[in-house]
Protein backbone atom coordinates (compact mmCIF):
# COMPACT_ATOMS: atom_id res chain seq x y z
CA UNK A 1 -82.04 -84.54 -108.62
CA UNK A 2 -84.17 -81.38 -108.70
CA UNK A 3 -83.22 -78.17 -106.90
CA UNK A 4 -85.59 -78.77 -103.97
CA UNK A 5 -84.17 -82.23 -103.29
CA UNK A 6 -80.65 -80.81 -103.55
CA UNK A 7 -81.49 -78.09 -101.04
CA UNK A 8 -82.90 -80.65 -98.62
CA UNK A 9 -79.80 -82.83 -98.98
CA UNK A 10 -77.37 -79.95 -98.52
CA UNK A 11 -79.24 -78.88 -95.39
CA UNK A 12 -78.96 -82.37 -93.91
CA UNK A 13 -75.26 -82.72 -94.77
CA UNK A 14 -74.25 -79.33 -93.38
CA UNK A 15 -76.29 -79.93 -90.23
CA UNK A 16 -74.55 -83.27 -89.65
CA UNK A 17 -71.19 -81.57 -90.15
CA UNK A 18 -72.08 -78.83 -87.64
CA UNK A 19 -73.27 -81.32 -85.03
CA UNK A 20 -70.19 -83.49 -85.53
CA UNK A 21 -67.76 -80.58 -85.26
CA UNK A 22 -69.43 -79.30 -82.10
CA UNK A 23 -69.47 -82.76 -80.58
CA UNK A 24 -65.80 -83.38 -81.30
CA UNK A 25 -64.75 -79.90 -80.18
CA UNK A 26 -64.81 -80.94 -76.54
CA UNK A 27 -64.64 -84.72 -76.97
CA UNK A 28 -61.18 -84.60 -78.54
CA UNK A 29 -60.80 -81.66 -77.64
CA UNK A 30 -59.81 -79.56 -80.65
CA UNK A 31 -56.32 -78.06 -80.25
CA UNK A 32 -56.28 -79.56 -76.76
CA UNK A 33 -58.61 -76.86 -75.46
CA UNK A 34 -62.16 -76.95 -74.13
CA UNK A 35 -64.62 -74.40 -75.53
CA UNK A 36 -65.69 -73.14 -72.10
CA UNK A 37 -62.13 -72.94 -70.81
CA UNK A 38 -61.21 -70.57 -73.63
CA UNK A 39 -64.20 -68.39 -72.77
CA UNK A 40 -63.21 -68.33 -69.10
CA UNK A 41 -59.75 -67.05 -70.03
CA UNK A 42 -61.25 -63.64 -70.88
CA UNK A 43 -61.77 -61.13 -68.08
CA UNK A 44 -65.14 -59.92 -69.34
CA UNK A 45 -68.46 -59.45 -67.56
CA UNK A 46 -71.02 -60.16 -70.27
CA UNK A 47 -70.73 -63.90 -69.85
CA UNK A 48 -73.14 -66.29 -68.09
CA UNK A 49 -72.45 -69.16 -65.72
CA UNK A 50 -71.32 -72.43 -67.29
CA UNK A 51 -74.63 -74.24 -66.82
CA UNK A 52 -76.31 -71.73 -69.16
CA UNK A 53 -74.45 -73.22 -72.14
CA UNK A 54 -76.57 -76.34 -71.75
CA UNK A 55 -78.98 -74.47 -73.99
CA UNK A 56 -76.94 -75.80 -76.91
CA UNK A 57 -78.57 -79.16 -76.24
CA UNK A 58 -81.99 -77.58 -76.75
CA UNK A 59 -80.77 -75.79 -79.87
CA UNK A 60 -79.36 -78.94 -81.45
CA UNK A 61 -82.48 -80.96 -80.69
CA UNK A 62 -84.48 -78.21 -82.39
CA UNK A 63 -82.18 -78.14 -85.39
CA UNK A 64 -82.39 -81.92 -85.70
CA UNK A 65 -86.18 -81.63 -85.69
CA UNK A 66 -85.96 -78.99 -88.40
CA UNK A 67 -83.46 -81.02 -90.43
CA UNK A 68 -85.71 -84.07 -90.39
CA UNK A 69 -88.90 -82.11 -91.09
CA UNK A 70 -87.50 -80.14 -94.00
CA UNK A 71 -86.09 -83.35 -95.52
CA UNK A 72 -89.47 -85.07 -95.71
CA UNK A 73 -90.72 -85.65 -99.28
CA UNK A 74 -93.98 -83.91 -98.30
CA UNK A 75 -92.03 -80.73 -97.49
CA UNK A 76 -90.00 -80.64 -100.70
CA UNK A 77 -92.15 -77.87 -102.19
CA UNK A 78 -93.13 -76.17 -98.93
CA UNK A 79 -93.00 -72.45 -99.88
CA UNK A 80 -91.78 -71.33 -96.46
CA UNK A 81 -88.90 -73.79 -96.51
CA UNK A 82 -88.16 -73.05 -100.15
CA UNK A 83 -87.82 -69.37 -99.26
CA UNK A 84 -84.83 -70.18 -97.04
CA UNK A 85 -82.71 -71.23 -99.99
CA UNK A 86 -79.26 -72.15 -98.69
CA UNK A 87 -79.22 -69.77 -95.72
CA UNK A 88 -79.62 -72.65 -93.28
CA UNK A 89 -76.67 -74.44 -94.84
CA UNK A 90 -74.64 -71.23 -94.52
CA UNK A 91 -75.55 -71.00 -90.84
CA UNK A 92 -74.31 -74.55 -90.28
CA UNK A 93 -71.03 -73.83 -92.05
CA UNK A 94 -70.55 -70.60 -90.06
CA UNK A 95 -71.23 -72.50 -86.83
CA UNK A 96 -68.63 -75.15 -87.69
CA UNK A 97 -66.02 -72.62 -88.82
CA UNK A 98 -66.49 -70.60 -85.63
CA UNK A 99 -65.63 -73.67 -83.56
CA UNK A 100 -62.35 -74.14 -85.41
CA UNK A 101 -61.40 -70.45 -85.18
CA UNK A 102 -62.26 -70.38 -81.47
CA UNK A 103 -60.32 -73.51 -80.56
CA UNK A 104 -57.29 -72.40 -82.54
CA UNK A 105 -57.43 -68.96 -80.87
CA UNK A 106 -58.06 -67.04 -84.10
CA UNK A 107 -60.29 -64.57 -82.27
CA UNK A 108 -60.64 -61.84 -84.94
CA UNK A 109 -61.85 -64.52 -87.36
CA UNK A 110 -64.35 -65.83 -84.81
CA UNK A 111 -66.24 -62.55 -85.01
CA UNK A 112 -66.51 -62.83 -88.79
CA UNK A 113 -67.90 -66.35 -88.44
CA UNK A 114 -70.26 -65.27 -85.65
CA UNK A 115 -71.59 -62.31 -87.64
CA UNK A 116 -72.12 -64.61 -90.63
CA UNK A 117 -74.11 -66.95 -88.40
CA UNK A 118 -76.12 -64.07 -86.94
CA UNK A 119 -76.94 -62.59 -90.34
CA UNK A 120 -77.96 -65.97 -91.75
CA UNK A 121 -80.30 -66.57 -88.80
CA UNK A 122 -81.82 -63.10 -89.15
CA UNK A 123 -82.49 -63.77 -92.83
CA UNK A 124 -84.05 -67.14 -91.97
CA UNK A 125 -86.16 -65.55 -89.26
CA UNK A 126 -87.38 -62.84 -91.63
CA UNK A 127 -88.15 -65.21 -94.50
CA UNK A 128 -90.10 -67.54 -92.22
CA UNK A 129 -92.02 -64.51 -90.92
CA UNK A 130 -91.90 -65.94 -87.42
CA UNK A 131 -94.50 -64.29 -85.23
CA UNK A 132 -96.28 -62.87 -88.26
CA UNK A 133 -97.38 -65.76 -90.49
CA UNK A 134 -99.87 -68.36 -89.19
CA UNK A 135 -98.40 -71.88 -89.11
CA UNK A 136 -99.47 -75.39 -88.19
CA UNK A 137 -98.62 -76.83 -84.78
CA UNK A 138 -96.01 -79.07 -86.41
CA UNK A 139 -94.19 -76.17 -88.05
CA UNK A 140 -94.42 -74.12 -84.88
CA UNK A 141 -92.34 -76.73 -83.06
CA UNK A 142 -90.07 -77.99 -85.85
CA UNK A 143 -89.40 -74.71 -87.66
CA UNK A 144 -90.37 -71.58 -85.73
CA UNK A 145 -89.35 -72.57 -82.20
CA UNK A 146 -85.88 -73.92 -83.15
CA UNK A 147 -84.95 -70.75 -84.99
CA UNK A 148 -86.40 -68.46 -82.32
CA UNK A 149 -84.28 -70.15 -79.66
CA UNK A 150 -81.21 -70.28 -81.91
CA UNK A 151 -81.45 -66.61 -82.88
CA UNK A 152 -82.03 -65.61 -79.26
CA UNK A 153 -78.88 -67.39 -78.14
CA UNK A 154 -76.75 -66.15 -81.02
CA UNK A 155 -77.88 -62.60 -80.22
CA UNK A 156 -76.34 -63.03 -76.78
CA UNK A 157 -73.33 -64.95 -78.13
CA UNK A 158 -72.53 -62.23 -80.65
CA UNK A 159 -72.39 -59.58 -77.93
CA UNK A 160 -70.19 -61.87 -75.83
CA UNK A 161 -67.94 -62.55 -78.83
CA UNK A 162 -67.44 -58.83 -79.38
CA UNK A 163 -66.53 -58.27 -75.72
CA UNK A 164 -64.05 -61.16 -75.85
CA UNK A 165 -62.39 -59.77 -78.95
CA UNK A 166 -62.11 -56.29 -77.47
CA UNK A 167 -60.53 -57.79 -74.37
CA UNK A 168 -58.14 -59.73 -76.62
CA UNK A 169 -57.18 -56.44 -78.30
CA UNK A 170 -56.75 -54.79 -74.86
CA UNK A 171 -59.27 -52.07 -75.74
CA UNK A 172 -59.54 -49.45 -72.99
CA UNK A 173 -63.32 -49.07 -73.31
CA UNK A 174 -63.14 -45.29 -73.83
CA UNK A 175 -62.18 -45.08 -70.18
CA UNK A 176 -65.27 -46.96 -68.95
CA UNK A 177 -64.82 -50.00 -66.74
CA UNK A 178 -65.69 -53.53 -67.76
CA UNK A 179 -68.72 -53.66 -65.45
CA UNK A 180 -70.01 -50.36 -66.86
CA UNK A 181 -69.81 -51.75 -70.39
CA UNK A 182 -71.62 -54.90 -69.27
CA UNK A 183 -74.49 -52.73 -68.00
CA UNK A 184 -74.60 -50.87 -71.33
CA UNK A 185 -74.71 -54.13 -73.27
CA UNK A 186 -77.47 -55.46 -71.02
CA UNK A 187 -79.46 -52.29 -71.76
CA UNK A 188 -78.97 -52.82 -75.50
CA UNK A 189 -80.13 -56.44 -75.18
CA UNK A 190 -83.23 -55.33 -73.26
CA UNK A 191 -84.02 -52.82 -76.02
CA UNK A 192 -83.80 -55.64 -78.57
CA UNK A 193 -86.09 -57.75 -76.38
CA UNK A 194 -88.67 -54.95 -76.28
CA UNK A 195 -88.61 -54.63 -80.06
CA UNK A 196 -89.04 -58.39 -80.49
CA UNK A 197 -91.96 -58.36 -78.05
CA UNK A 198 -93.65 -55.53 -79.94
CA UNK A 199 -92.93 -56.65 -83.50
CA UNK A 200 -92.95 -60.46 -83.28
CA UNK A 201 -94.41 -61.41 -79.88
CA UNK A 202 -91.80 -64.16 -79.88
CA UNK A 203 -91.86 -65.66 -76.39
CA UNK A 204 -89.31 -68.38 -77.21
CA UNK A 205 -86.74 -65.76 -78.24
CA UNK A 206 -87.40 -63.73 -75.10
CA UNK A 207 -87.13 -66.75 -72.80
CA UNK A 208 -83.61 -67.36 -74.10
CA UNK A 209 -82.63 -63.84 -73.04
CA UNK A 210 -84.12 -64.45 -69.60
CA UNK A 211 -82.07 -67.66 -69.33
CA UNK A 212 -78.89 -65.84 -70.38
CA UNK A 213 -79.42 -62.82 -68.09
CA UNK A 214 -80.04 -65.00 -65.04
CA UNK A 215 -76.82 -66.81 -65.90
CA UNK A 216 -74.93 -63.51 -66.07
CA UNK A 217 -76.37 -62.46 -62.71
CA UNK A 218 -75.22 -65.74 -61.16
CA UNK A 219 -71.79 -65.69 -62.80
CA UNK A 220 -71.09 -62.08 -61.85
CA UNK A 221 -72.44 -62.28 -58.29
CA UNK A 222 -69.13 -60.92 -57.04
CA UNK A 223 -69.60 -57.74 -59.10
CA UNK A 224 -72.77 -56.14 -57.72
CA UNK A 225 -73.14 -53.57 -60.51
CA UNK A 226 -73.29 -56.28 -63.16
CA UNK A 227 -75.24 -58.81 -61.12
CA UNK A 228 -77.96 -56.36 -60.04
CA UNK A 229 -78.20 -54.95 -63.57
CA UNK A 230 -78.60 -58.47 -64.95
CA UNK A 231 -81.42 -59.19 -62.50
CA UNK A 232 -83.10 -55.91 -63.51
CA UNK A 233 -82.67 -56.84 -67.17
CA UNK A 234 -84.22 -60.22 -66.43
CA UNK A 235 -87.25 -58.57 -64.83
CA UNK A 236 -87.64 -56.20 -67.77
CA UNK A 237 -87.55 -59.03 -70.30
CA UNK A 238 -90.11 -60.95 -68.24
CA UNK A 239 -92.24 -57.81 -68.56
CA UNK A 240 -91.70 -57.93 -72.33
CA UNK A 241 -92.91 -61.54 -72.33
CA UNK A 242 -96.06 -60.47 -70.50
CA UNK A 243 -96.62 -57.74 -73.11
CA UNK A 244 -96.11 -60.24 -75.94
CA UNK A 245 -98.57 -62.72 -74.44
CA UNK A 246 -101.14 -59.96 -73.86
CA UNK A 247 -100.77 -58.79 -77.46
CA UNK A 248 -101.19 -62.38 -78.67
CA UNK A 249 -104.38 -62.79 -76.62
CA UNK A 250 -105.81 -59.51 -77.90
CA UNK A 251 -104.93 -60.48 -81.47
CA UNK A 252 -106.64 -63.85 -81.05
CA UNK A 253 -109.70 -62.11 -79.62
CA UNK A 254 -109.95 -59.79 -82.59
CA UNK A 255 -109.74 -62.72 -85.03
CA UNK A 256 -112.55 -64.59 -83.31
CA UNK A 257 -114.79 -61.54 -82.83
């Protein structure tokens, strides 16, 4: 077995493990606890309504598409996929480990797993040059889009994980209230969205943030400061999407001129 075949096989195996662990997490459930119920036990404000987590279905469909595509014999020597090395496998392991840490209430360790997942996805995103390198329609949907959506969601999930851990540690927030910190974190997320719009024009990534921010606005409707700020953040990210689409159109015009 050559190194490319081994990489393809490891990617498939670790993806199956990640999907199985996530499926069993709530089916069993692990440690007798549901994933969402644990999240709801934290009195934090940077958390969306429950329906928003349905995005995991989209993410896993995308990852399955990637897993199948990268495993094809015709893609064994694909230079873009080769460049990923074992970073995708690491992301799958980090995802699975996070589930175990979360369900067994090992919250400090969940952040380590989450940061490992985030870093691995950033590396994958950079090596694929999403938004920078031209790709075929097939790779756009089986490679670029899945990782754009996944990274977008894990960006939000990492912020939420940090807020949960700080709540677990009973951090006083430097005297600022929970809603005030939620507004600050929303502002940080909007800044990230603007950078992604300018540097990568990645609409899929930005749409995930819109989805998450609307969910936060709905979830925190009883806290006007957070809810209104989330709606404002949503509008700003929609503006970023418009900028990204305009930049794409101008870029296409220059190439055809």
